[in-house]
Amino acid sequence: MDDNFLEFIINSSKNEAEQNEEIELTPIEKNDLFKLSYHKNKKFPIIDIPNISERLNEMFILLKLETEIKEVNIDNVHEIYSSKNNSYYESSIYNIRYPKVLSKFFSKEEIAEILIFNPYSLAYKMEEYFKYNKAHDFLKSIKLSIHHNGICNNWNEIVDFNNKSISFNPFKDNEDITLTFDTTSWIPSSHGKTKYSKHPETGEFNYIDGEIAFILNYKNKPSFIISLDILNNKEIRIKQIQSLIKKRNKLRFLLGNDFFELIITEFVKHFSDYKVNLITGESLIKQIHKSGKDLKEHDINAFNRVISTYNKDFNKLKRINKDESTKCEISSFKMEYVALSI
């Protein structure tokens, strides 16, 4: 390997970072995402990567790092990730700052297995990496959503939701309706501004209540945003279904008055082996209030609309255990969700 390669990597990364400021951020398209493989070692998929030790050492040599990894196995894998172990601090996977170096030694899937999934943490320094890799950004959000709602120690759960999201094709009979994806813009946050998509009317980044957003587009124009969280053991919590166009939303007109139920039904049908939950109207009001807006006091019409929309009886969908809704502790109040089935 040429000694000038590292300098090239550093300089090109800097140039990309400078250029990135001028790039218009767009939603994550389906063709940005890629399918992943399941692993027998669900907790440490890195162990199953062929010749992982040799390839890591080769990369560390290129980066002029002195630590040598003799073998990656179940007994020492934590040292690869841990920054608490001083001997591995500089050569910790998460202290590698140059995305192009990783891409030289590992495939997209292998990078996901190394970076996105580990049982410890997700270093903020790697946020620089995600700027150039939207698909990994999406995987990161799946991982963090599971982590924020429990414990994320099963690689195959990330694989399953990612692969099913790629194959999700709601209202497939109409080619004018397409699906794109988005995530929250800040790593630790379970809600907030979107990272990529902007409101079609205001040009501002959209606000989402969940960590992952599915955006329904009509003729390439964002029309609805659905935000949700992913939990352990194949569970989805839908936290928001919102029209992005106040007037003359053509997709809403096309779907009819039952658009709310139809959109949820598409999720329940496609993620048929998941437990799909919908937030209750009361909990959504609490969440909106927590963000600083008291609907009951300042917009009674919006308050009534939220309650009636999220609590109404559906035509075909069934609410399971309506009187025993799932409760989730969030800060100082409880969020309630009701499971749905067809």
Protein backbone atom coordinates (compact mmCIF):
# COMPACT_ATOMS: atom_id res chain seq x y z
CA MET A 1 0.00 0.00 0.00
CA ASP A 2 1.14 3.47 -0.87
CA ASP A 3 2.02 5.74 2.07
CA ASN A 4 0.28 8.54 0.20
CA PHE A 5 -3.02 6.72 0.40
CA LEU A 6 -3.69 7.79 3.99
CA GLU A 7 -3.03 11.41 3.08
CA PHE A 8 -5.42 11.01 0.15
CA ILE A 9 -8.05 9.56 2.48
CA ILE A 10 -7.73 12.41 4.96
CA ASN A 11 -7.79 15.13 2.31
CA SER A 12 -10.67 13.62 0.37
CA SER A 13 -12.67 13.24 3.58
CA LYS A 14 -12.10 16.90 4.35
CA ASN A 15 -13.12 17.89 0.84
CA GLU A 16 -16.29 15.83 1.09
CA ALA A 17 -17.09 17.40 4.45
CA GLU A 18 -16.75 20.86 2.92
CA GLN A 19 -18.84 19.92 -0.08
CA ASN A 20 -21.47 18.33 2.14
CA GLU A 21 -22.52 21.74 3.45
CA GLU A 22 -23.73 22.66 -0.03
CA ILE A 23 -25.54 19.40 -0.77
CA GLU A 24 -29.35 19.46 -0.60
CA LEU A 25 -30.39 16.69 1.78
CA THR A 26 -33.03 14.37 0.35
CA PRO A 27 -34.99 11.48 1.92
CA ILE A 28 -33.48 8.02 2.00
CA GLU A 29 -34.67 6.28 -1.15
CA LYS A 30 -35.29 2.56 -1.26
CA ASN A 31 -32.35 2.09 -3.59
CA ASP A 32 -30.11 3.71 -0.96
CA LEU A 33 -30.90 0.83 1.41
CA PHE A 34 -29.51 -2.68 1.01
CA LYS A 35 -30.52 -6.06 2.34
CA LEU A 36 -28.60 -7.67 5.19
CA SER A 37 -27.88 -11.28 6.13
CA TYR A 38 -28.93 -13.06 9.28
CA HIS A 39 -26.20 -14.44 11.55
CA LYS A 40 -25.97 -17.40 13.88
CA ASN A 41 -24.03 -15.20 16.28
CA LYS A 42 -26.82 -12.69 16.86
CA LYS A 43 -24.94 -10.73 19.51
CA PHE A 44 -21.57 -10.35 17.77
CA PRO A 45 -21.96 -10.55 13.98
CA ILE A 46 -18.44 -9.09 13.65
CA ILE A 47 -17.06 -12.51 14.67
CA ASP A 48 -18.55 -14.11 11.55
CA ILE A 49 -16.82 -11.73 9.12
CA PRO A 50 -14.19 -13.67 7.13
CA ASN A 51 -10.57 -12.87 8.07
CA ILE A 52 -11.74 -10.07 10.35
CA SER A 53 -8.55 -9.96 12.45
CA GLU A 54 -6.20 -9.77 9.47
CA ARG A 55 -8.29 -7.11 7.74
CA LEU A 56 -8.54 -4.95 10.85
CA ASN A 57 -4.80 -5.17 11.42
CA GLU A 58 -4.17 -4.25 7.81
CA MET A 59 -6.36 -1.21 8.25
CA PHE A 60 -4.67 -0.22 11.52
CA ILE A 61 -1.26 -0.42 9.81
CA LEU A 62 -2.51 1.88 7.09
CA LEU A 63 -3.69 4.33 9.77
CA LYS A 64 -0.29 4.01 11.48
CA LEU A 65 -1.83 2.51 14.63
CA GLU A 66 0.35 0.13 16.63
CA THR A 67 -2.17 -2.21 18.27
CA GLU A 68 -2.35 -5.71 16.83
CA ILE A 69 -5.46 -7.87 17.12
CA LYS A 70 -4.56 -11.55 17.27
CA GLU A 71 -8.07 -12.87 17.00
CA VAL A 72 -11.65 -11.59 17.18
CA ASN A 73 -13.65 -14.01 19.30
CA ILE A 74 -16.33 -14.05 21.96
CA ASP A 75 -13.75 -13.53 24.72
CA ASN A 76 -12.01 -10.42 23.40
CA VAL A 77 -14.52 -8.83 21.06
CA HIS A 78 -15.41 -6.20 23.67
CA GLU A 79 -11.86 -4.85 23.47
CA ILE A 80 -12.41 -4.01 19.80
CA TYR A 81 -15.24 -1.68 20.73
CA SER A 82 -14.28 -0.44 24.18
CA SER A 83 -12.57 2.91 24.64
CA LYS A 84 -12.12 2.18 28.34
CA ASN A 85 -9.29 -0.20 27.60
CA ASN A 86 -6.36 2.19 27.04
CA SER A 87 -4.37 -0.21 24.89
CA TYR A 88 -7.23 -0.27 22.41
CA TYR A 89 -8.36 3.32 22.72
CA GLU A 90 -6.65 4.71 19.63
CA SER A 91 -7.39 1.65 17.54
CA SER A 92 -10.95 1.22 18.75
CA ILE A 93 -13.28 0.76 15.79
CA TYR A 94 -15.16 3.91 16.74
CA ASN A 95 -12.07 6.08 16.72
CA ILE A 96 -11.47 5.45 13.02
CA ARG A 97 -12.46 8.77 11.54
CA TYR A 98 -12.10 8.18 7.82
CA PRO A 99 -15.06 6.53 6.05
CA LYS A 100 -13.10 5.75 2.91
CA VAL A 101 -10.67 3.60 4.89
CA LEU A 102 -13.50 1.35 6.08
CA SER A 103 -14.89 1.14 2.56
CA LYS A 104 -11.50 -0.01 1.26
CA PHE A 105 -11.37 -3.01 3.56
CA PHE A 106 -15.01 -3.94 4.16
CA SER A 107 -18.28 -4.26 2.24
CA LYS A 108 -21.38 -2.22 3.11
CA GLU A 109 -22.87 -5.14 5.00
CA GLU A 110 -19.65 -5.82 6.91
CA ILE A 111 -19.41 -2.15 7.90
CA ALA A 112 -22.95 -2.41 9.26
CA GLU A 113 -21.98 -5.52 11.22
CA ILE A 114 -18.91 -3.78 12.64
CA LEU A 115 -20.15 -0.24 13.23
CA ILE A 116 -23.92 -0.26 13.55
CA PHE A 117 -24.36 -3.27 15.75
CA ASN A 118 -22.50 -3.81 18.96
CA PRO A 119 -23.75 -4.44 22.50
CA TYR A 120 -22.17 -1.36 24.03
CA SER A 121 -22.69 2.06 22.49
CA LEU A 122 -22.64 4.14 19.35
CA ALA A 123 -19.84 6.70 19.37
CA TYR A 124 -20.77 10.20 18.32
CA LYS A 125 -17.57 10.48 16.29
CA MET A 126 -19.04 8.08 13.76
CA GLU A 127 -21.80 10.56 12.93
CA GLU A 128 -19.35 11.91 10.36
CA TYR A 129 -19.45 8.53 8.69
CA PHE A 130 -23.24 8.55 8.40
CA LYS A 131 -23.20 11.79 6.43
CA TYR A 132 -21.97 9.81 3.47
CA ASN A 133 -23.92 6.61 4.02
CA LYS A 134 -27.68 7.01 4.32
CA ALA A 135 -28.34 3.28 4.45
CA HIS A 136 -26.10 2.94 7.51
CA ASP A 137 -27.86 5.94 9.01
CA PHE A 138 -31.17 4.11 8.69
CA LEU A 139 -29.69 1.00 10.32
CA LYS A 140 -28.30 3.14 13.12
CA SER A 141 -31.79 4.47 13.83
CA ILE A 142 -33.28 0.98 13.95
CA LYS A 143 -30.58 -0.04 16.41
CA LEU A 144 -31.05 3.02 18.60
CA SER A 145 -34.83 2.74 18.59
CA ILE A 146 -34.60 -0.80 19.93
CA HIS A 147 -31.93 0.34 22.40
CA HIS A 148 -33.99 3.29 23.67
CA ASN A 149 -36.98 1.00 24.27
CA GLY A 150 -35.13 -1.90 25.84
CA ILE A 151 -31.93 -3.77 25.04
CA CYS A 152 -30.54 -4.17 21.54
CA ASN A 153 -28.51 -7.39 21.56
CA ASN A 154 -29.93 -9.23 18.54
CA TRP A 155 -28.45 -8.37 15.15
CA ASN A 156 -31.16 -10.38 13.39
CA GLU A 157 -33.89 -8.06 14.65
CA ILE A 158 -32.21 -5.15 12.85
CA VAL A 159 -31.83 -7.30 9.74
CA ASP A 160 -35.47 -8.31 9.77
CA PHE A 161 -36.92 -4.81 10.05
CA ASN A 162 -34.44 -3.38 7.53
CA ASN A 163 -35.19 -6.05 4.92
CA LYS A 164 -38.94 -5.81 5.43
CA SER A 165 -38.77 -2.02 5.08
CA ILE A 166 -37.01 -2.38 1.73
CA SER A 167 -39.72 -4.70 0.43
CA PHE A 168 -42.55 -2.52 1.80
CA ASN A 169 -44.62 -1.29 -1.13
CA PRO A 170 -47.86 0.27 0.16
CA PHE A 171 -50.63 0.82 -2.37
CA LYS A 172 -48.47 -0.99 -4.93
CA ASP A 173 -51.23 -0.95 -7.56
CA ASN A 174 -50.70 2.79 -7.97
CA GLU A 175 -47.24 3.57 -9.35
CA ASP A 176 -47.65 7.25 -8.44
CA ILE A 177 -47.43 6.35 -4.74
CA THR A 178 -43.85 5.80 -3.54
CA LEU A 179 -42.16 5.37 -0.19
CA THR A 180 -39.03 7.02 1.19
CA PHE A 181 -37.44 6.96 4.63
CA ASP A 182 -36.02 9.37 7.17
CA THR A 183 -34.58 9.50 10.69
CA THR A 184 -34.21 12.01 13.49
CA SER A 185 -31.39 14.45 12.95
CA TRP A 186 -29.67 13.97 16.33
CA ILE A 187 -28.39 10.60 17.50
CA PRO A 188 -29.61 10.42 21.14
CA SER A 189 -33.05 11.87 20.41
CA SER A 190 -36.12 9.64 20.16
CA HIS A 191 -38.03 12.44 18.41
CA GLY A 192 -37.32 15.76 16.75
CA LYS A 193 -36.56 17.25 13.35
CA THR A 194 -35.98 14.96 10.38
CA LYS A 195 -32.46 14.66 9.04
CA TYR A 196 -33.23 14.60 5.32
CA SER A 197 -36.82 15.40 4.29
CA LYS A 198 -38.35 18.86 4.29
CA HIS A 199 -41.97 19.98 4.43
CA PRO A 200 -43.32 20.41 0.87
CA GLU A 201 -44.95 23.75 1.72
CA THR A 202 -42.72 25.44 4.32
CA GLY A 203 -39.34 24.03 3.28
CA GLU A 204 -38.57 23.33 6.94
CA PHE A 205 -37.42 19.96 8.23
CA ASN A 206 -40.37 17.87 9.40
CA TYR A 207 -40.98 17.10 13.07
CA ILE A 208 -41.39 13.42 13.90
CA ASP A 209 -42.52 11.83 17.16
CA GLY A 210 -40.68 8.55 16.50
CA GLU A 211 -37.10 7.70 15.60
CA ILE A 212 -37.89 6.40 12.12
CA ALA A 213 -40.14 7.96 9.50
CA PHE A 214 -41.85 6.46 6.47
CA ILE A 215 -42.84 9.11 3.96
CA LEU A 216 -45.64 8.45 1.48
CA ASN A 217 -45.15 10.45 -1.70
CA TYR A 218 -47.66 11.09 -4.46
CA LYS A 219 -46.01 11.81 -7.81
CA ASN A 220 -42.75 12.36 -5.88
CA LYS A 221 -44.33 14.97 -3.60
CA PRO A 222 -44.29 14.15 0.15
CA SER A 223 -47.90 13.76 1.26
CA PHE A 224 -47.96 11.80 4.54
CA ILE A 225 -45.37 11.12 7.20
CA ILE A 226 -45.62 8.12 9.51
CA SER A 227 -43.19 7.99 12.43
CA LEU A 228 -42.63 5.00 14.65
CA ASP A 229 -40.36 3.20 17.06
CA ILE A 230 -39.00 -0.35 16.82
CA LEU A 231 -38.83 -2.55 19.92
CA ASN A 232 -37.41 -5.96 20.81
CA ASN A 233 -39.21 -9.11 19.78
CA LYS A 234 -40.71 -7.67 16.59
CA GLU A 235 -42.83 -4.87 17.93
CA ILE A 236 -43.70 -1.58 16.22
CA ARG A 237 -45.22 1.49 17.86
CA ILE A 238 -46.81 3.93 15.44
CA LYS A 239 -46.60 7.36 17.04
CA GLN A 240 -47.66 9.71 14.26
CA ILE A 241 -49.61 9.75 10.99
CA GLN A 242 -49.73 13.26 9.61
CA SER A 243 -50.68 14.92 6.38
CA LEU A 244 -47.87 17.16 5.14
CA ILE A 245 -50.20 19.17 2.91
CA LYS A 246 -52.96 21.14 4.63
CA LYS A 247 -55.06 21.81 1.57
CA ARG A 248 -55.56 19.79 -1.59
CA ASN A 249 -53.58 16.76 -0.52
CA LYS A 250 -54.14 14.64 -3.64
CA LEU A 251 -53.09 11.42 -1.94
CA ARG A 252 -55.55 11.99 0.87
CA PHE A 253 -58.28 12.58 -1.71
CA LEU A 254 -57.25 9.42 -3.55
CA LEU A 255 -57.33 7.27 -0.41
CA GLY A 256 -60.65 8.73 0.73
CA ASN A 257 -62.04 9.46 4.17
CA ASP A 258 -60.60 6.24 5.58
CA PHE A 259 -57.00 7.23 4.72
CA PHE A 260 -55.91 6.91 8.37
CA GLU A 261 -57.08 3.32 8.66
CA LEU A 262 -55.86 2.42 5.17
CA ILE A 263 -52.31 3.59 5.92
CA ILE A 264 -52.18 1.66 9.19
CA THR A 265 -53.64 -1.41 7.49
CA GLU A 266 -50.76 -1.41 5.01
CA PHE A 267 -48.32 -1.59 7.94
CA VAL A 268 -50.25 -4.35 9.72
CA LYS A 269 -50.46 -6.42 6.52
CA HIS A 270 -46.81 -6.06 5.55
CA PHE A 271 -45.36 -6.49 9.05
CA SER A 272 -47.72 -9.39 9.70
CA ASP A 273 -45.33 -11.18 12.06
CA TYR A 274 -44.88 -8.03 14.18
CA LYS A 275 -47.01 -6.71 16.97
CA VAL A 276 -48.16 -3.36 15.57
CA ASN A 277 -49.34 -0.81 18.15
CA LEU A 278 -50.94 2.61 17.69
CA ILE A 279 -50.53 5.43 20.18
CA THR A 280 -53.73 6.53 21.92
CA GLY A 281 -55.12 10.02 21.40
CA GLU A 282 -54.58 10.92 25.05
CA SER A 283 -50.91 9.92 24.96
CA LEU A 284 -50.31 11.85 21.76
CA ILE A 285 -51.84 14.94 23.41
CA LYS A 286 -49.45 14.46 26.35
CA GLN A 287 -46.51 14.16 23.97
CA ILE A 288 -47.52 17.33 22.13
CA HIS A 289 -47.91 19.11 25.47
CA LYS A 290 -44.45 17.91 26.52
CA SER A 291 -43.01 19.58 23.42
CA GLY A 292 -44.49 22.88 24.62
CA LYS A 293 -47.90 23.08 22.96
CA ASP A 294 -51.12 22.82 24.98
CA LEU A 295 -53.73 21.91 22.37
CA LYS A 296 -56.64 21.84 24.80
CA GLU A 297 -55.97 25.41 25.85
CA HIS A 298 -54.88 26.96 22.57
CA ASP A 299 -56.50 24.86 19.83
CA ILE A 300 -59.53 22.93 21.00
CA ASN A 301 -60.41 21.87 17.44
CA ALA A 302 -57.00 20.25 16.97
CA PHE A 303 -57.33 18.65 20.41
CA ASN A 304 -60.68 17.08 19.50
CA ARG A 305 -59.37 16.00 16.09
CA VAL A 306 -56.38 14.16 17.61
CA ILE A 307 -58.56 12.36 20.16
CA SER A 308 -61.21 11.33 17.64
CA THR A 309 -58.70 10.26 14.96
CA TYR A 310 -56.47 8.10 17.11
CA ASN A 311 -59.23 6.63 19.32
CA LYS A 312 -61.96 6.03 16.77
CA ASP A 313 -63.29 2.58 15.95
CA PHE A 314 -62.01 1.26 12.63
CA ASN A 315 -64.05 -0.38 9.90
CA LYS A 316 -61.84 -3.45 9.45
CA LEU A 317 -58.89 -3.13 11.81
CA LYS A 318 -59.40 -4.48 15.30
CA ARG A 319 -58.02 -3.04 18.51
CA ILE A 320 -56.71 -5.87 20.69
CA ASN A 321 -57.16 -5.55 24.46
CA LYS A 322 -58.49 -2.04 24.09
CA ASP A 323 -58.98 -1.74 27.82
CA GLU A 324 -55.51 -3.08 28.59
CA SER A 325 -53.30 -0.86 26.47
CA THR A 326 -49.53 -1.27 26.50
CA LYS A 327 -47.90 1.30 28.77
CA CYS A 328 -44.43 2.72 28.28
CA GLU A 329 -42.68 4.96 30.78
CA ILE A 330 -41.43 8.12 29.05
CA SER A 331 -39.96 10.77 31.35
CA SER A 332 -42.64 11.74 33.86
CA PHE A 333 -45.69 10.31 32.11
CA LYS A 334 -46.89 7.05 30.59
CA MET A 335 -47.41 6.51 26.90
CA GLU A 336 -50.21 4.16 26.00
CA TYR A 337 -50.52 2.08 22.84
CA VAL A 338 -53.16 -0.32 21.56
CA ALA A 339 -52.26 -3.39 19.49
CA LEU A 340 -53.96 -3.80 16.11
CA SER A 341 -54.89 -6.74 13.90
CA ILE A 342 -56.80 -7.33 10.70
